[in-house]
């Protein structure tokens, strides 16, 4: 890997981490989600600085080039993020339905009490 590429990748990983810290600090992102993105930044830096690890993983999965390994890992990461958010959305949808039903019951009771 060329020095320019290493510098760019390390800078991208560090900028990602600083950006995530700033989002958490400004309360734009909850801490429970920030750990995953911070680990992503650390993984980027590790893969760049320890290039032999990337080549080892490439050999393990049977890929030809390290860039293919990065592409596969990126797709896997996006799939896992999508599954996580699908689970969260499903849970929030169930909670919203329950709250809506409880609110409807309370409104019906209030309307009934007002009629009496």
Protein backbone atom coordinates (compact mmCIF):
# COMPACT_ATOMS: atom_id res chain seq x y z
CA UNK A 1 0.00 0.00 0.00
CA UNK A 2 1.36 3.40 -0.96
CA UNK A 3 2.17 5.96 1.73
CA UNK A 4 -0.41 8.41 0.32
CA UNK A 5 -3.08 5.72 0.53
CA UNK A 6 -2.13 4.89 4.12
CA UNK A 7 -2.19 8.53 5.17
CA UNK A 8 -5.57 9.05 3.52
CA UNK A 9 -7.09 5.91 5.09
CA UNK A 10 -5.77 6.72 8.59
CA UNK A 11 -7.01 10.29 8.24
CA UNK A 12 -10.43 9.00 7.10
CA UNK A 13 -10.62 6.66 10.11
CA UNK A 14 -9.62 9.42 12.53
CA UNK A 15 -12.05 11.90 10.96
CA UNK A 16 -14.83 9.33 11.25
CA UNK A 17 -14.09 8.88 14.94
CA UNK A 18 -13.92 12.64 15.60
CA UNK A 19 -17.19 13.11 13.70
CA UNK A 20 -18.91 10.42 15.78
CA UNK A 21 -17.62 11.92 19.04
CA UNK A 22 -18.95 15.29 17.93
CA UNK A 23 -22.37 13.85 17.07
CA UNK A 24 -22.57 12.23 20.50
CA UNK A 25 -21.38 15.41 22.21
CA UNK A 26 -24.08 17.45 20.46
CA UNK A 27 -26.65 14.75 21.29
CA UNK A 28 -27.36 14.09 17.61
CA UNK A 29 -26.47 10.42 18.08
CA UNK A 30 -27.09 8.21 21.07
CA UNK A 31 -24.12 6.54 22.72
CA UNK A 32 -25.60 3.10 22.14
CA UNK A 33 -25.14 3.55 18.38
CA UNK A 34 -21.81 5.34 18.50
CA UNK A 35 -19.76 2.32 19.59
CA UNK A 36 -20.35 0.56 16.29
CA UNK A 37 -19.15 3.53 14.26
CA UNK A 38 -16.16 4.08 16.54
CA UNK A 39 -15.20 0.43 16.09
CA UNK A 40 -15.47 0.96 12.34
CA UNK A 41 -12.98 3.82 12.56
CA UNK A 42 -10.63 1.70 14.65
CA UNK A 43 -10.98 -1.20 12.18
CA UNK A 44 -10.08 1.09 9.28
CA UNK A 45 -6.96 2.26 11.08
CA UNK A 46 -5.96 -1.29 12.08
CA UNK A 47 -6.40 -2.60 8.52
CA UNK A 48 -4.23 0.21 7.18
CA UNK A 49 -1.46 0.05 9.76
CA UNK A 50 -1.43 -3.75 9.96
CA UNK A 51 -1.72 -4.55 6.27
CA UNK A 52 -0.47 -8.11 6.81
CA UNK A 53 -3.68 -8.78 8.78
CA UNK A 54 -5.74 -7.72 5.77
CA UNK A 55 -3.69 -9.99 3.53
CA UNK A 56 -4.13 -12.85 6.03
CA UNK A 57 -7.93 -12.35 6.08
CA UNK A 58 -7.85 -12.22 2.27
CA UNK A 59 -6.16 -15.61 2.23
CA UNK A 60 -8.62 -17.03 4.78
CA UNK A 61 -11.70 -16.11 2.78
CA UNK A 62 -10.12 -17.07 -0.53
CA UNK A 63 -10.23 -13.63 -2.10
CA UNK A 64 -7.63 -12.67 -4.69
CA UNK A 65 -7.04 -9.05 -3.70
CA UNK A 66 -7.15 -7.21 -0.37
CA UNK A 67 -9.52 -4.69 -1.93
CA UNK A 68 -11.99 -7.52 -2.52
CA UNK A 69 -11.75 -8.39 1.17
CA UNK A 70 -12.46 -4.79 2.13
CA UNK A 71 -15.44 -4.76 -0.23
CA UNK A 72 -16.81 -8.01 1.25
CA UNK A 73 -16.31 -6.76 4.82
CA UNK A 74 -18.03 -3.49 3.92
CA UNK A 75 -21.04 -5.32 2.50
CA UNK A 76 -21.18 -7.57 5.57
CA UNK A 77 -21.06 -4.49 7.80
CA UNK A 78 -23.92 -2.85 5.89
CA UNK A 79 -26.01 -6.04 6.08
CA UNK A 80 -25.48 -6.23 9.85
CA UNK A 81 -26.40 -2.55 10.26
CA UNK A 82 -29.55 -3.11 8.19
CA UNK A 83 -30.56 -6.12 10.29
CA UNK A 84 -29.95 -4.18 13.51
CA UNK A 85 -32.05 -1.24 12.39
CA UNK A 86 -34.80 -3.55 11.11
CA UNK A 87 -35.01 -5.12 14.57
CA UNK A 88 -35.10 -1.67 16.21
CA UNK A 89 -37.79 -0.43 13.81
CA UNK A 90 -39.89 -3.54 14.42
CA UNK A 91 -39.63 -3.06 18.17
CA UNK A 92 -40.54 0.63 17.92
CA UNK A 93 -43.48 -0.18 15.64
CA UNK A 94 -44.84 -2.65 18.19
CA UNK A 95 -44.44 -0.07 20.96
CA UNK A 96 -46.17 2.59 18.85
CA UNK A 97 -49.13 0.28 18.18
CA UNK A 98 -49.44 -0.47 21.89
CA UNK A 99 -49.26 3.22 22.81
CA UNK A 100 -51.83 4.10 20.16
CA UNK A 101 -54.20 1.46 21.50
CA UNK A 102 -53.72 2.68 25.09
CA UNK A 103 -54.29 6.28 24.00
CA UNK A 104 -57.50 5.29 22.19
CA UNK A 105 -58.76 3.50 25.30
CA UNK A 106 -57.98 6.54 27.46
CA UNK A 107 -59.73 8.88 25.02
CA UNK A 108 -62.77 6.62 24.93
CA UNK A 109 -62.89 6.55 28.74
CA UNK A 110 -62.53 10.33 28.89
CA UNK A 111 -65.30 10.85 26.33
CA UNK A 112 -67.54 8.43 28.24
CA UNK A 113 -66.86 10.28 31.53
CA UNK A 114 -67.63 13.64 29.86
CA UNK A 115 -70.97 12.37 28.61
CA UNK A 116 -72.04 11.42 32.13
